[in-house]
Every structure is written in structure tokens, then in C-alpha cells.
């Protein structure tokens, strides 16, 4: 349930509500907005049969505006819990700011130092804000390239320092969370790990921002519940990423769910990024899907860019050349302005 304090409520009143909830067995999460303070009571009370009585008790307090039962299976990430959109700041870049579209770009996989530096320079010059690159790569085949691991993380950190760009990279294993946090500014949870609850809990124990990709067969509710796993451990610096879902269509790699963007905006306060590269699997379609995502309300994009896609170790078919990436950003500018954003 959610306890909404009246505008005149004091810090002492907030402390009283917090103590009363904790005494009844709830975990407490506080959201202090401009006009209201919201206290979220998460979990089951010590006596579940007394839930209705507990709500009535809190409603009777003079400094409580109202008490609302949260019916969604996800609580902390719901729009009810936090009516205002969450903005996550990473090295000065504001993700979720309704006036700003964030661009994350770079190669699917860190292959060599020269390849990463060339990619970073190209996307930075074109106007990207955050550098992406895979140090650990999931593959359907056990015989495919799986990344260079820590040596690739070191290359990403060096590129961040050289080009003054925050870094996002994927973490795949609970045992690697501390290692990846050492080098990365944003942890990425890939589609195959959206339901890896042990990993979600582990990244939830950090305060490093996490970008959670939608599972390829996940409903929006399942996706938000996965985000709740992270938030329930204390890390609310969560960015959602729509990367397409698996359908009967075979022409594209996945089917990009444009509906998910406004739907998430209705259901959650978390920012949402679109991944047109994985959604389509075709470089020729990335620009059009990018424009559609921004028009639908996405807070930004994550795009694969490679200086030589034909030689890429992973996902060359969906990677843009630097010149195509520059053209994409030029094409995005009027769309951003049309929906009240800037690049």
C-alpha cells in the first residue's frame, strides 16, 4: 500500500509513519516529490488478515492525505508509487529527462583497442552521449565469440577517459557484478537474463545504474516485475530497454513493440530506452525504427555502430557504419523537436 502524506506533514510525522509501518512488518520506501511525500509499504504485514484495519488506522491520522492499495504485482517501480518520472544522472548525462533524448552507441563487442577507439571517436563526434560495448557476450552457440572479459572492460574504461563518455556494458554472471561495477557506469542486463533473479538481486545490491532489457518472450508486466527485483534490493537507478520480442515474423530479427513505450510510461516512472539494432537485426531498418521510438516517447536509443560491419565478430548485419550513424542523428533531430525534446 501507499501512504500519501498531507502537504503540511513534518519530518517527525514522516518518521512516525515509517516506524509504524516497520513495526507491522513492512519494508518502507520513501519518495519525496515537490508537492507530496509518498511512503510505500512493501511486502506482507506481520498479520496479513489485518491489512484493511491497518489502512483505516493510517487514514485516520491528521497528517495523512490518503492511503492507496497497490494492486499491481510490482510496487516500487509503479507509477502509483512515484507519480513523477525518474531521472538518472550518469556523469552529467540525464536519462529520463522529458526534454532530452540520450543516445548510447558503439560496437556490439569490444574486439581490439583500435576498433573500440575508432568507434568511440566516431559516435562521440556524431553526437552520442554514452559509449556501449560488450566485454562479456551471450551467444546461442557455445562455440561463438563470448568477449574478452576484463581486458575489454579495461579498454572501455580507457575509452571513457579519453573521449569523456560514460560506459554501458553487459554483466551476465553474479560472480562478475563487482568486477563490471569497477569499470562500467551502467550495467546492462540482457534479454536472456531478464529472468535471472539471482543476478537481478545482486545488481540490486549495488547503486550502479542498471539498464534492464525486456526478455524476448516477456510481457510488460513480467518485465516490470523483473525491475522490481532490482528495486526491492535498494537500487532504484533502473533504465528499461525495449529491444523487440520474438514473434512468428522472420524477416526481422525480432518484432519491435512500439506499444511498450507509451505503456511503460503509463505504468512506471522508470525511463525507457529503445534498441532498434536488436529489434530489427538489419542496419537498413534502424533509422526508421529509431524515429518511431522517439516519436512514441522513448527517452533515448542504444545503437550498434562499427567502423567495418562486414568484419565484425558479432552482429555486423545490424551495425551502422559511422557515416550512417551521423545521418541517423541528423534525421532524428526534427523528430525530437516535434515531441519537445532535444538531442
Protein backbone atom coordinates (compact mmCIF):
# COMPACT_ATOMS: atom_id res chain seq x y z
CA UNK A 1 0.00 0.00 0.00
CA UNK A 2 0.95 3.66 -0.37
CA UNK A 3 0.57 6.30 2.33
CA UNK A 4 0.36 9.81 0.86
CA UNK A 5 1.24 12.46 3.41
CA UNK A 6 -0.61 15.78 3.54
CA UNK A 7 1.32 18.89 2.39
CA UNK A 8 1.61 20.12 6.00
CA UNK A 9 3.19 16.87 7.25
CA UNK A 10 6.51 17.35 9.07
CA UNK A 11 9.69 15.28 9.16
CA UNK A 12 8.53 13.98 12.55
CA UNK A 13 5.24 12.85 11.01
CA UNK A 14 7.15 11.03 8.28
CA UNK A 15 9.28 9.29 10.91
CA UNK A 16 6.15 8.26 12.82
CA UNK A 17 4.58 6.70 9.71
CA UNK A 18 7.83 4.91 8.89
CA UNK A 19 8.13 3.46 12.38
CA UNK A 20 4.50 2.38 12.46
CA UNK A 21 4.85 0.54 9.14
CA UNK A 22 8.09 -1.16 10.12
CA UNK A 23 6.54 -2.30 13.41
CA UNK A 24 3.82 -4.01 11.35
CA UNK A 25 6.39 -5.89 9.25
CA UNK A 26 6.53 -3.74 6.11
CA UNK A 27 9.63 -2.63 4.25
CA UNK A 28 9.42 1.14 3.71
CA UNK A 29 10.38 3.15 0.62
CA UNK A 30 10.03 6.94 0.68
CA UNK A 31 9.53 9.19 -2.33
CA UNK A 32 9.75 12.92 -1.64
CA UNK A 33 8.29 14.92 -4.51
CA UNK A 34 7.88 18.65 -4.97
CA UNK A 35 4.31 18.74 -3.63
CA UNK A 36 3.86 15.41 -1.85
CA UNK A 37 5.73 12.78 0.13
CA UNK A 38 4.73 9.19 -0.61
CA UNK A 39 5.56 6.30 1.71
CA UNK A 40 5.45 2.89 0.10
CA UNK A 41 4.77 -0.12 2.33
CA UNK A 42 6.24 -3.16 0.59
CA UNK A 43 5.76 -6.81 1.48
CA UNK A 44 3.33 -8.61 3.74
CA UNK A 45 2.41 -7.29 7.19
CA UNK A 46 3.09 -9.37 10.29
CA UNK A 47 -0.63 -10.10 10.40
CA UNK A 48 -1.89 -10.24 6.75
CA UNK A 49 -5.51 -10.52 7.90
CA UNK A 50 -5.29 -7.03 9.46
CA UNK A 51 -4.35 -5.22 6.24
CA UNK A 52 -7.70 -3.45 5.95
CA UNK A 53 -7.53 -2.33 9.55
CA UNK A 54 -4.01 -1.00 9.04
CA UNK A 55 -5.17 1.13 6.11
CA UNK A 56 -8.01 2.56 8.19
CA UNK A 57 -5.63 3.37 11.04
CA UNK A 58 -3.33 5.35 8.80
CA UNK A 59 -6.21 7.15 7.06
CA UNK A 60 -7.33 8.41 10.48
CA UNK A 61 -4.05 10.30 11.02
CA UNK A 62 -4.43 14.07 10.55
CA UNK A 63 -1.21 14.39 8.56
CA UNK A 64 -2.11 11.59 6.08
CA UNK A 65 -3.86 12.69 2.90
CA UNK A 66 -4.87 9.20 1.71
CA UNK A 67 -3.92 5.53 1.74
CA UNK A 68 -3.98 3.63 -1.54
CA UNK A 69 -3.82 -0.14 -2.04
CA UNK A 70 -1.38 -1.07 -4.82
CA UNK A 71 -2.92 -3.87 -6.83
CA UNK A 72 -0.03 -4.33 -9.27
CA UNK A 73 2.44 -7.16 -8.56
CA UNK A 74 5.22 -4.58 -8.89
CA UNK A 75 5.21 -1.77 -6.33
CA UNK A 76 8.38 0.33 -6.19
CA UNK A 77 8.66 0.77 -9.97
CA UNK A 78 4.96 1.59 -10.44
CA UNK A 79 3.64 5.00 -11.39
CA UNK A 80 1.43 4.88 -8.26
CA UNK A 81 4.48 4.72 -6.04
CA UNK A 82 6.20 7.64 -7.79
CA UNK A 83 3.97 9.83 -9.99
CA UNK A 84 6.92 11.90 -11.23
CA UNK A 85 9.28 10.37 -13.82
CA UNK A 86 12.62 9.17 -12.51
CA UNK A 87 15.69 10.91 -13.95
CA UNK A 88 19.00 9.08 -13.58
CA UNK A 89 22.17 11.15 -13.86
CA UNK A 90 25.31 9.36 -15.07
CA UNK A 91 28.44 11.56 -15.23
CA UNK A 92 26.28 14.58 -16.02
CA UNK A 93 24.05 12.82 -18.59
CA UNK A 94 20.36 12.90 -17.57
CA UNK A 95 18.48 9.75 -18.58
CA UNK A 96 14.70 10.14 -18.34
CA UNK A 97 14.67 13.92 -18.60
CA UNK A 98 11.49 14.63 -20.62
CA UNK A 99 13.27 17.39 -22.56
CA UNK A 100 16.35 15.37 -23.53
CA UNK A 101 16.95 12.28 -25.73
CA UNK A 102 20.00 10.22 -24.75
CA UNK A 103 21.99 8.38 -27.39
CA UNK A 104 24.06 5.32 -26.46
CA UNK A 105 26.22 3.95 -29.26
CA UNK A 106 29.23 1.81 -30.02
CA UNK A 107 30.17 -1.68 -31.15
CA UNK A 108 28.31 -4.81 -30.12
CA UNK A 109 31.59 -6.33 -28.96
CA UNK A 110 34.93 -4.90 -27.91
CA UNK A 111 37.26 -6.62 -30.36
CA UNK A 112 40.51 -4.64 -30.25
CA UNK A 113 41.72 -1.40 -28.72
CA UNK A 114 41.94 0.28 -32.13
CA UNK A 115 38.44 -0.87 -33.12
CA UNK A 116 36.97 0.48 -29.87
CA UNK A 117 38.81 3.81 -30.09
CA UNK A 118 37.75 4.31 -33.71
CA UNK A 119 34.14 3.51 -32.81
CA UNK A 120 34.19 5.76 -29.74
CA UNK A 121 35.64 8.68 -31.68
CA UNK A 122 33.05 8.27 -34.43
CA UNK A 123 30.00 8.13 -32.17
CA UNK A 124 31.28 10.95 -29.96
CA UNK A 125 31.88 13.22 -32.97
CA UNK A 126 28.40 12.41 -34.31
CA UNK A 127 26.72 13.42 -31.04
CA UNK A 128 26.34 10.27 -28.91
CA UNK A 129 26.43 10.69 -25.14
CA UNK A 130 27.21 7.20 -23.80
CA UNK A 131 29.59 4.54 -25.16
CA UNK A 132 28.33 0.97 -25.42
CA UNK A 133 30.48 -2.12 -25.93
CA UNK A 134 30.35 -5.76 -24.89
CA UNK A 135 33.08 -7.27 -22.74
CA UNK A 136 31.04 -10.41 -21.97
CA UNK A 137 28.78 -11.58 -24.80
CA UNK A 138 25.96 -14.14 -24.59
CA UNK A 139 25.71 -16.42 -27.62
CA UNK A 140 23.28 -19.14 -28.58
CA UNK A 141 26.20 -21.28 -29.69
CA UNK A 142 28.87 -22.28 -27.15
CA UNK A 143 31.43 -22.04 -29.96
CA UNK A 144 30.77 -18.38 -30.81
CA UNK A 145 32.90 -15.47 -29.59
CA UNK A 146 32.00 -14.60 -25.98
CA UNK A 147 34.04 -11.45 -25.43
CA UNK A 148 37.44 -10.60 -23.97
CA UNK A 149 36.23 -10.17 -20.39
CA UNK A 150 38.27 -7.97 -18.07
CA UNK A 151 40.73 -6.89 -20.76
CA UNK A 152 37.76 -5.47 -22.72
CA UNK A 153 36.49 -3.74 -19.57
CA UNK A 154 39.87 -2.04 -19.23
CA UNK A 155 39.67 -0.88 -22.87
CA UNK A 156 36.20 0.56 -22.23
CA UNK A 157 37.42 2.43 -19.15
CA UNK A 158 40.34 3.85 -21.14
CA UNK A 159 37.99 4.96 -23.94
CA UNK A 160 35.69 6.59 -21.37
CA UNK A 161 38.60 8.64 -20.03
CA UNK A 162 39.88 9.56 -23.49
CA UNK A 163 36.54 10.56 -25.01
CA UNK A 164 34.74 11.71 -21.84
CA UNK A 165 31.80 9.33 -22.32
CA UNK A 166 30.13 7.16 -19.66
CA UNK A 167 30.27 3.43 -20.44
CA UNK A 168 27.49 0.83 -20.54
CA UNK A 169 28.32 -2.87 -20.78
CA UNK A 170 26.60 -6.16 -20.07
CA UNK A 171 27.02 -8.23 -16.91
CA UNK A 172 25.99 -11.88 -17.29
CA UNK A 173 27.04 -13.61 -14.09
CA UNK A 174 26.53 -12.96 -10.39
CA UNK A 175 30.24 -13.62 -9.90
CA UNK A 176 31.16 -10.75 -12.27
CA UNK A 177 29.00 -7.98 -10.81
CA UNK A 178 31.74 -6.43 -8.64
CA UNK A 179 34.24 -6.66 -11.50
CA UNK A 180 31.96 -4.96 -14.03
CA UNK A 181 30.97 -2.28 -11.50
CA UNK A 182 34.67 -1.45 -11.15
CA UNK A 183 34.84 -0.34 -14.79
CA UNK A 184 31.30 0.45 -16.01
CA UNK A 185 28.98 3.40 -15.34
CA UNK A 186 25.83 1.46 -16.31
CA UNK A 187 25.27 -2.28 -16.01
CA UNK A 188 23.28 -3.90 -18.81
CA UNK A 189 21.08 -6.94 -18.18
CA UNK A 190 20.44 -8.68 -21.50
CA UNK A 191 17.23 -10.26 -22.73
CA UNK A 192 18.32 -13.79 -21.77
CA UNK A 193 18.97 -12.71 -18.18
CA UNK A 194 15.81 -10.71 -17.55
CA UNK A 195 14.51 -13.67 -15.52
CA UNK A 196 17.85 -14.47 -13.87
CA UNK A 197 16.55 -13.50 -10.44
CA UNK A 198 19.83 -14.14 -8.63
CA UNK A 199 21.58 -11.70 -10.98
CA UNK A 200 18.78 -9.14 -10.61
CA UNK A 201 19.06 -9.27 -6.83
CA UNK A 202 22.84 -8.93 -6.98
CA UNK A 203 22.83 -5.81 -9.18
CA UNK A 204 20.06 -4.51 -6.91
CA UNK A 205 22.54 -4.51 -4.03
CA UNK A 206 24.75 -2.03 -5.90
CA UNK A 207 23.95 1.61 -6.58
CA UNK A 208 25.31 1.43 -10.14
CA UNK A 209 22.58 2.28 -12.68
CA UNK A 210 21.15 -0.78 -14.44
CA UNK A 211 19.62 -1.00 -17.92
CA UNK A 212 17.20 -3.93 -17.97
CA UNK A 213 16.35 -5.28 -21.41
CA UNK A 214 12.96 -6.86 -21.96
CA UNK A 215 13.01 -10.63 -22.26
CA UNK A 216 12.41 -11.75 -25.82
CA UNK A 217 9.17 -13.50 -24.79
CA UNK A 218 8.26 -11.40 -21.75
CA UNK A 219 5.07 -9.48 -21.18
CA UNK A 220 5.33 -5.89 -19.97
CA UNK A 221 4.14 -6.98 -16.52
CA UNK A 222 6.85 -9.65 -16.29
CA UNK A 223 9.42 -7.08 -17.37
CA UNK A 224 8.34 -4.64 -14.68
CA UNK A 225 8.39 -7.40 -12.07
CA UNK A 226 11.99 -8.11 -13.08
CA UNK A 227 12.73 -4.42 -12.46
CA UNK A 228 11.02 -4.80 -9.09
CA UNK A 229 13.55 -7.50 -8.15
CA UNK A 230 16.33 -4.93 -8.62
CA UNK A 231 14.46 -2.12 -6.84
CA UNK A 232 13.50 -4.34 -3.90
CA UNK A 233 17.19 -4.69 -3.04
CA UNK A 234 17.66 -0.93 -2.81
CA UNK A 235 18.86 0.07 -6.28
CA UNK A 236 16.18 2.20 -7.96
CA UNK A 237 18.55 3.53 -10.65
CA UNK A 238 16.85 1.40 -13.30
CA UNK A 239 16.50 2.07 -17.02
CA UNK A 240 14.18 -0.14 -19.07
CA UNK A 241 15.09 -1.11 -22.64
CA UNK A 242 12.63 -2.29 -25.29
CA UNK A 243 14.64 -4.45 -27.71
CA UNK A 244 11.91 -6.30 -29.55
CA UNK A 245 10.09 -9.53 -28.79
CA UNK A 246 10.04 -12.90 -30.53
CA UNK A 247 7.01 -13.45 -32.79
CA UNK A 248 6.22 -15.53 -35.87
CA UNK A 249 7.85 -12.88 -38.12
CA UNK A 250 11.14 -13.98 -39.71
CA UNK A 251 12.12 -11.02 -41.89
CA UNK A 252 13.38 -9.07 -38.89
CA UNK A 253 15.43 -10.46 -36.02
CA UNK A 254 12.69 -9.52 -33.54
CA UNK A 255 9.44 -7.54 -33.61
CA UNK A 256 9.84 -4.08 -32.13
CA UNK A 257 6.96 -3.41 -29.73
CA UNK A 258 6.23 0.29 -30.17
CA UNK A 259 3.23 -0.11 -27.83
CA UNK A 260 5.58 -0.90 -24.96
CA UNK A 261 6.98 2.63 -24.83
CA UNK A 262 3.75 4.56 -24.02
CA UNK A 263 2.51 1.57 -21.98
CA UNK A 264 5.57 1.69 -19.73
CA UNK A 265 5.13 5.45 -19.38
CA UNK A 266 1.60 4.81 -18.07
CA UNK A 267 2.58 2.01 -15.70
CA UNK A 268 6.00 3.04 -14.40
CA UNK A 269 8.10 6.07 -13.52
CA UNK A 270 11.29 4.47 -14.89
CA UNK A 271 12.96 5.83 -18.05
CA UNK A 272 12.79 3.66 -21.17
CA UNK A 273 15.38 3.33 -23.94
CA UNK A 274 14.79 1.70 -27.35
CA UNK A 275 17.19 -0.71 -29.06
CA UNK A 276 16.41 -0.62 -32.79
CA UNK A 277 19.55 -2.62 -33.65
CA UNK A 278 18.46 -5.82 -31.87
CA UNK A 279 14.82 -5.16 -32.67
CA UNK A 280 15.35 -5.30 -36.42
CA UNK A 281 18.65 -7.09 -36.96
CA UNK A 282 19.03 -5.05 -40.15
CA UNK A 283 21.07 -1.87 -40.45
CA UNK A 284 18.72 -0.60 -43.19
CA UNK A 285 15.78 -0.51 -40.76
CA UNK A 286 17.46 1.05 -37.73
CA UNK A 287 16.87 4.68 -38.67
CA UNK A 288 13.12 4.33 -39.28
CA UNK A 289 12.53 2.39 -36.06
CA UNK A 290 14.65 4.93 -34.15
CA UNK A 291 12.44 7.78 -35.34
CA UNK A 292 9.31 5.87 -34.40
CA UNK A 293 10.63 5.11 -30.91
CA UNK A 294 11.48 8.74 -30.17
CA UNK A 295 8.10 9.88 -31.52
CA UNK A 296 6.39 7.35 -29.21
CA UNK A 297 8.13 8.81 -26.16
CA UNK A 298 11.35 6.82 -25.69
CA UNK A 299 13.90 8.60 -23.50
CA UNK A 300 16.72 7.61 -25.83
CA UNK A 301 18.28 4.95 -28.04
CA UNK A 302 21.05 2.37 -27.85
CA UNK A 303 22.53 1.71 -31.30
CA UNK A 304 25.28 -0.56 -32.57
CA UNK A 305 27.97 1.22 -34.60
CA UNK A 306 31.05 -0.45 -36.07
CA UNK A 307 33.76 1.04 -38.32
CA UNK A 308 33.70 -2.09 -40.50
CA UNK A 309 30.49 -4.13 -40.02
CA UNK A 310 31.50 -6.75 -42.59
CA UNK A 311 34.41 -7.80 -40.35
CA UNK A 312 32.56 -7.56 -37.02
CA UNK A 313 32.84 -10.59 -34.74
CA UNK A 314 29.21 -10.17 -33.64
CA UNK A 315 26.05 -8.66 -35.14
CA UNK A 316 27.63 -7.00 -38.17
CA UNK A 317 24.34 -7.09 -40.11
CA UNK A 318 22.63 -4.74 -37.65
CA UNK A 319 25.58 -2.42 -37.03
CA UNK A 320 25.67 1.02 -38.64
CA UNK A 321 28.75 2.49 -40.24
CA UNK A 322 29.82 5.81 -38.67
CA UNK A 323 28.53 7.82 -41.65
CA UNK A 324 25.12 6.12 -41.42
CA UNK A 325 25.02 6.85 -37.69
CA UNK A 326 25.70 10.55 -38.31
CA UNK A 327 22.89 10.61 -40.86
CA UNK A 328 20.54 8.89 -38.39
CA UNK A 329 21.16 11.57 -35.76
CA UNK A 330 20.53 14.30 -38.32
CA UNK A 331 17.24 12.63 -39.24
CA UNK A 332 16.30 12.31 -35.55
CA UNK A 333 16.71 16.00 -34.78
CA UNK A 334 13.39 17.23 -36.26
CA UNK A 335 11.54 14.30 -34.65
CA UNK A 336 12.99 15.21 -31.25
CA UNK A 337 11.99 18.83 -31.68
CA UNK A 338 8.48 17.81 -32.77
CA UNK A 339 7.91 15.96 -29.47
CA UNK A 340 9.54 18.64 -27.30
CA UNK A 341 12.94 17.04 -26.86
CA UNK A 342 16.45 17.99 -27.84
CA UNK A 343 19.48 15.88 -28.62
